[in-house]
Amino acid sequence: MIAHEPEEQTIICLRCPRGCEVTAHVDGDGAVTEVTGNSCKLGIQYATQEVRDPRRILPTTVRVRGGNHPLVAVWTPEPIPRGRLLELARATREIVVDAPVEDGQVILKDWMHLGINLVASGAVDVAS
């Protein structure tokens, strides 16, 4: 395995409202050795996660057939790998659910066998 030069990654921490600019010091093997600039310990956790395996929540919409609204808001309750966001977003374009849709209803379960669920964050009634 080839070791790389140590580096620093500057990240805006999103774990609390402060939005600290934290710097993750990464050794040649990709391990976080130090985090600076954080105001709380959440910054250390956030920066380490961002370096190792950045993840995001995906909020989007899917189409509803026969509803009083044409779309329903959906999201991934758990953060998913950042590299899969666009792929999942593209996949949601093909999803059409029948009304009614309930808040909290699982729209897509275990996407790509990755344990990623897409859940409705609103309700749509049947069109009258």
Protein backbone atom coordinates (compact mmCIF):
# COMPACT_ATOMS: atom_id res chain seq x y z
CA MET A 1 0.00 0.00 0.00
CA ILE A 2 1.31 3.43 -0.93
CA ALA A 3 1.31 6.06 1.82
CA HIS A 4 0.36 9.60 0.84
CA GLU A 5 1.56 12.92 2.17
CA PRO A 6 -0.20 14.20 5.29
CA GLU A 7 -2.83 16.80 4.46
CA GLU A 8 -5.38 19.12 6.00
CA GLN A 9 -9.04 19.38 5.06
CA THR A 10 -11.02 22.44 6.10
CA ILE A 11 -14.72 21.78 6.63
CA ILE A 12 -17.66 23.86 7.87
CA CYS A 13 -19.19 21.81 10.66
CA LEU A 14 -22.95 21.38 10.38
CA ARG A 15 -23.57 19.50 13.62
CA CYS A 16 -24.72 22.55 15.60
CA PRO A 17 -25.79 26.12 14.72
CA ARG A 18 -22.31 27.59 15.29
CA GLY A 19 -20.98 26.44 11.90
CA CYS A 20 -17.36 26.23 13.02
CA GLU A 21 -14.63 26.10 10.41
CA VAL A 22 -12.77 22.97 11.46
CA THR A 23 -9.58 21.56 10.08
CA ALA A 24 -9.04 17.81 9.95
CA HIS A 25 -5.39 16.80 9.95
CA VAL A 26 -5.05 13.56 8.00
CA ASP A 27 -1.98 11.34 8.07
CA GLY A 28 -0.46 9.60 5.06
CA ASP A 29 -2.71 6.56 5.55
CA GLY A 30 -5.92 8.62 5.51
CA ALA A 31 -6.54 8.53 9.27
CA VAL A 32 -7.64 11.70 11.07
CA THR A 33 -4.96 12.53 13.62
CA GLU A 34 -6.29 15.84 14.90
CA VAL A 35 -9.24 18.20 14.49
CA THR A 36 -8.84 21.90 15.25
CA GLY A 37 -11.15 24.91 15.14
CA ASN A 38 -14.14 23.18 16.70
CA SER A 39 -16.07 24.78 19.56
CA CYS A 40 -17.52 21.48 20.78
CA LYS A 41 -16.81 17.78 20.56
CA LEU A 42 -19.47 17.37 17.85
CA GLY A 43 -17.02 19.09 15.49
CA ILE A 44 -14.50 16.32 16.01
CA GLN A 45 -17.09 13.66 15.18
CA TYR A 46 -18.36 15.59 12.16
CA ALA A 47 -14.93 16.25 10.66
CA THR A 48 -13.83 12.66 11.17
CA GLN A 49 -16.99 11.37 9.46
CA GLU A 50 -16.55 13.84 6.58
CA VAL A 51 -13.02 12.61 5.92
CA ARG A 52 -13.75 8.90 6.27
CA ASP A 53 -17.23 8.51 4.81
CA PRO A 54 -19.17 11.70 4.01
CA ARG A 55 -22.93 11.23 4.19
CA ARG A 56 -25.96 13.37 3.48
CA ILE A 57 -29.74 13.33 3.87
CA LEU A 58 -31.59 13.42 0.53
CA PRO A 59 -34.78 15.51 0.49
CA THR A 60 -36.70 15.31 -2.78
CA THR A 61 -40.16 14.59 -4.18
CA VAL A 62 -41.88 11.74 -6.00
CA ARG A 63 -44.94 11.78 -8.23
CA VAL A 64 -48.38 10.84 -6.93
CA ARG A 65 -51.06 9.30 -9.14
CA GLY A 66 -54.67 10.17 -8.31
CA GLY A 67 -53.82 12.59 -5.52
CA ASN A 68 -54.97 16.07 -4.59
CA HIS A 69 -51.32 17.09 -5.14
CA PRO A 70 -49.07 15.85 -7.96
CA LEU A 71 -46.02 15.35 -5.72
CA VAL A 72 -45.18 14.25 -2.20
CA ALA A 73 -42.08 15.28 -0.28
CA VAL A 74 -39.77 12.39 0.64
CA TRP A 75 -36.43 12.05 2.38
CA THR A 76 -33.87 9.55 3.60
CA PRO A 77 -34.21 9.48 7.41
CA GLU A 78 -30.62 8.27 7.70
CA PRO A 79 -27.69 9.95 5.97
CA ILE A 80 -26.52 8.07 2.88
CA PRO A 81 -23.08 7.97 1.24
CA ARG A 82 -22.55 11.30 -0.53
CA GLY A 83 -21.38 9.47 -3.64
CA ARG A 84 -24.81 7.82 -4.01
CA LEU A 85 -26.93 11.00 -3.73
CA LEU A 86 -27.25 11.76 -7.43
CA GLU A 87 -27.89 8.12 -8.27
CA LEU A 88 -30.76 7.93 -5.79
CA ALA A 89 -32.08 11.33 -6.88
CA ARG A 90 -32.19 10.08 -10.48
CA ALA A 91 -33.97 6.89 -9.38
CA THR A 92 -36.69 8.92 -7.64
CA ARG A 93 -37.69 10.42 -11.01
CA GLU A 94 -39.07 7.01 -11.97
CA ILE A 95 -41.13 6.51 -8.81
CA VAL A 96 -44.89 7.04 -8.96
CA VAL A 97 -47.04 6.20 -5.93
CA ASP A 98 -50.79 5.93 -5.74
CA ALA A 99 -52.76 8.23 -3.45
CA PRO A 100 -53.39 8.28 -0.58
CA VAL A 101 -49.89 8.76 0.83
CA GLU A 102 -49.41 9.06 4.57
CA ASP A 103 -46.75 11.05 6.41
CA GLY A 104 -44.05 8.55 7.41
CA GLN A 105 -45.01 6.00 4.75
CA VAL A 106 -42.03 4.11 3.34
CA ILE A 107 -42.00 4.86 -0.38
CA LEU A 108 -38.86 2.90 -1.29
CA LYS A 109 -37.42 0.24 1.01
CA ASP A 110 -33.79 -0.91 1.07
CA TRP A 111 -32.72 0.86 -2.13
CA MET A 112 -29.99 -1.11 -3.94
CA HIS A 113 -29.80 -3.42 -0.88
CA LEU A 114 -27.95 -0.66 0.97
CA GLY A 115 -30.48 -0.32 3.79
CA ILE A 116 -31.54 3.07 2.43
CA ASN A 117 -35.22 3.92 2.78
CA LEU A 118 -37.12 6.77 1.18
CA VAL A 119 -39.93 8.00 3.43
CA ALA A 120 -42.81 10.43 2.83
CA SER A 121 -42.53 13.60 4.89
CA GLY A 122 -46.02 14.76 4.04
CA ALA A 123 -49.43 13.42 3.16
CA VAL A 124 -51.40 13.44 -0.09
CA ASP A 125 -55.11 12.63 -0.12
CA VAL A 126 -57.05 11.06 -2.96
CA ALA A 127 -58.29 13.67 -5.43
CA SER A 128 -61.98 14.39 -5.16
